[in-house]
Amino acid sequence: MEISRITPFELIYENKEISELLGSIIFNPTFGKIQNIAQSLYAKTQGRFYVIKSDGLLIGLMGLSKIDNHKLVVNHFAVKAPFQRHKIGTALLTGIIEAEGVSEVVVDASEEDMPFYKGFGFKIQKSEFEEARGRRFYCVFLK
């Protein structure tokens, strides 16, 4: 597997594979919405966007913001369905933590994501907010 950082940020919406996978995890995806996400989050100095490929095929992605050079905040995270539960997400997150040299990762996650984050070693706190899609959780990983 190959993990790589996507630069320039325009590739996020210009690359059909990447934009389709990102679109699968956002509400009401459109080209304009994906372009706006890329420009507002990943064009900035603190923006980070990584993909993981296997035999040249995109199988996952993660978009983050880097805060104070020691913390990553996960904004977007997706692994294609056929590759889920095969440690792809673990490999991607581990590779990003190593590449970025951070000691902390935080994410606001849904209940369905809890097995992954618990398995990785995140500390989980229930959020006081509940969305129409269910309860949210604040997850923190300290290296």
Protein backbone atom coordinates (compact mmCIF):
# COMPACT_ATOMS: atom_id res chain seq x y z
CA MET A 1 0.00 0.00 0.00
CA GLU A 2 1.11 3.51 -0.79
CA ILE A 3 0.16 6.59 1.27
CA SER A 4 0.64 9.99 -0.31
CA ARG A 5 -0.23 13.58 0.46
CA ILE A 6 -2.28 15.30 -2.22
CA THR A 7 -0.84 18.60 -3.37
CA PRO A 8 -1.90 20.81 -4.98
CA PHE A 9 -5.34 20.86 -3.36
CA GLU A 10 -7.03 21.20 -6.78
CA LEU A 11 -6.41 17.48 -7.35
CA ILE A 12 -9.03 16.76 -4.68
CA TYR A 13 -11.84 17.89 -6.98
CA GLU A 14 -10.11 17.43 -10.34
CA ASN A 15 -9.35 13.73 -9.76
CA LYS A 16 -12.58 11.81 -10.31
CA GLU A 17 -11.65 8.91 -8.01
CA ILE A 18 -10.80 11.22 -5.12
CA SER A 19 -13.82 13.48 -5.57
CA GLU A 20 -16.19 10.49 -5.79
CA LEU A 21 -14.85 8.93 -2.59
CA LEU A 22 -14.94 12.27 -0.77
CA GLY A 23 -18.45 12.82 -2.10
CA SER A 24 -19.55 9.50 -0.61
CA ILE A 25 -19.07 10.86 2.93
CA ILE A 26 -20.51 14.37 2.63
CA PHE A 27 -24.14 15.42 2.62
CA ASN A 28 -25.56 16.27 -0.80
CA PRO A 29 -22.27 16.13 -2.71
CA THR A 30 -21.89 18.33 -5.75
CA PHE A 31 -18.81 19.39 -7.68
CA GLY A 32 -19.13 22.89 -6.20
CA LYS A 33 -19.39 21.56 -2.65
CA ILE A 34 -16.33 19.33 -3.08
CA GLN A 35 -14.43 22.22 -4.66
CA ASN A 36 -15.44 24.48 -1.75
CA ILE A 37 -14.26 21.90 0.82
CA ALA A 38 -10.92 21.58 -0.97
CA GLN A 39 -10.45 25.34 -1.13
CA SER A 40 -11.66 26.18 2.38
CA LEU A 41 -9.95 23.34 4.28
CA TYR A 42 -7.10 21.90 2.27
CA ALA A 43 -5.70 24.93 0.41
CA LYS A 44 -4.70 26.51 3.70
CA THR A 45 -1.29 26.03 5.29
CA GLN A 46 -2.71 23.79 8.02
CA GLY A 47 -4.73 21.65 5.59
CA ARG A 48 -3.61 18.08 4.91
CA PHE A 49 -5.19 15.59 2.50
CA TYR A 50 -3.89 12.04 2.11
CA VAL A 51 -4.86 9.05 0.01
CA ILE A 52 -4.00 5.39 0.29
CA LYS A 53 -3.69 3.21 -2.79
CA SER A 54 -3.21 -0.48 -3.39
CA ASP A 55 -1.82 -1.53 -6.78
CA GLY A 56 -2.55 1.98 -8.05
CA LEU A 57 -6.23 1.84 -6.97
CA LEU A 58 -7.51 4.48 -4.56
CA ILE A 59 -8.91 2.66 -1.52
CA GLY A 60 -9.11 5.38 1.12
CA LEU A 61 -8.60 9.03 2.02
CA MET A 62 -8.23 11.29 5.01
CA GLY A 63 -8.43 15.07 5.22
CA LEU A 64 -7.10 16.84 8.30
CA SER A 65 -6.12 20.16 9.78
CA LYS A 66 -2.80 20.49 11.59
CA ILE A 67 -2.93 22.65 14.73
CA ASP A 68 0.15 24.05 16.50
CA ASN A 69 2.43 21.46 14.83
CA HIS A 70 1.42 18.73 17.31
CA LYS A 71 -2.27 18.03 16.73
CA LEU A 72 -4.31 16.75 13.79
CA VAL A 73 -8.06 17.27 13.54
CA VAL A 74 -9.76 14.74 11.26
CA ASN A 75 -12.22 16.44 8.90
CA HIS A 76 -12.89 13.67 6.36
CA PHE A 77 -12.14 9.95 6.45
CA ALA A 78 -13.29 7.26 4.04
CA VAL A 79 -12.29 3.75 3.04
CA LYS A 80 -14.03 2.11 0.09
CA ALA A 81 -16.54 -0.50 1.23
CA PRO A 82 -14.75 -3.61 -0.11
CA PHE A 83 -11.62 -2.61 1.83
CA GLN A 84 -13.23 -1.78 5.17
CA ARG A 85 -12.31 -3.94 8.16
CA HIS A 86 -8.97 -4.85 6.51
CA LYS A 87 -6.79 -2.43 8.53
CA ILE A 88 -6.66 0.12 5.68
CA GLY A 89 -7.83 2.95 7.94
CA THR A 90 -5.32 1.92 10.60
CA ALA A 91 -2.48 1.91 8.06
CA LEU A 92 -3.56 5.29 6.69
CA LEU A 93 -3.86 6.98 10.09
CA THR A 94 -0.62 5.44 11.37
CA GLY A 95 1.23 6.61 8.25
CA ILE A 96 -0.17 10.13 8.56
CA ILE A 97 0.74 10.40 12.26
CA GLU A 98 4.28 9.34 11.39
CA ALA A 99 4.57 11.64 8.36
CA GLU A 100 3.21 14.66 10.22
CA GLY A 101 5.15 14.00 13.44
CA VAL A 102 2.20 14.75 15.72
CA SER A 103 1.40 13.56 19.22
CA GLU A 104 -2.37 14.07 19.20
CA VAL A 105 -5.27 13.32 16.85
CA VAL A 106 -8.86 14.39 17.49
CA VAL A 107 -12.09 13.63 15.68
CA ASP A 108 -15.80 14.25 16.11
CA ALA A 109 -17.29 10.90 15.12
CA SER A 110 -20.57 9.02 14.83
CA GLU A 111 -21.55 5.99 16.85
CA GLU A 112 -21.00 3.68 13.89
CA ASP A 113 -17.34 4.80 13.73
CA MET A 114 -16.63 3.89 17.36
CA PRO A 115 -15.22 0.38 16.75
CA PHE A 116 -12.47 1.81 14.56
CA TYR A 117 -11.50 4.61 16.92
CA LYS A 118 -11.66 2.43 20.04
CA GLY A 119 -9.58 -0.23 18.30
CA PHE A 120 -6.95 2.34 17.32
CA GLY A 121 -6.65 3.50 20.93
CA PHE A 122 -8.65 6.72 20.96
CA LYS A 123 -10.20 7.85 24.24
CA ILE A 124 -13.92 8.38 23.65
CA GLN A 125 -16.21 10.96 25.21
CA LYS A 126 -19.90 11.37 24.42
CA SER A 127 -20.66 14.73 22.92
CA GLU A 128 -23.44 16.80 24.40
CA PHE A 129 -24.82 17.17 20.89
CA GLU A 130 -27.09 14.76 19.12
CA GLU A 131 -27.77 15.12 15.42
CA ALA A 132 -30.67 13.79 13.40
CA ARG A 133 -28.37 10.91 12.43
CA GLY A 134 -27.55 10.05 16.06
CA ARG A 135 -25.19 10.78 18.92
CA ARG A 136 -21.74 12.22 18.26
CA PHE A 137 -18.51 11.39 20.08
CA TYR A 138 -15.35 13.36 20.73
CA CYS A 139 -12.36 11.07 20.25
CA VAL A 140 -8.75 11.82 21.24
CA PHE A 141 -5.62 9.81 20.48
CA LEU A 142 -2.41 10.67 22.32
CA LYS A 143 0.84 9.16 21.10
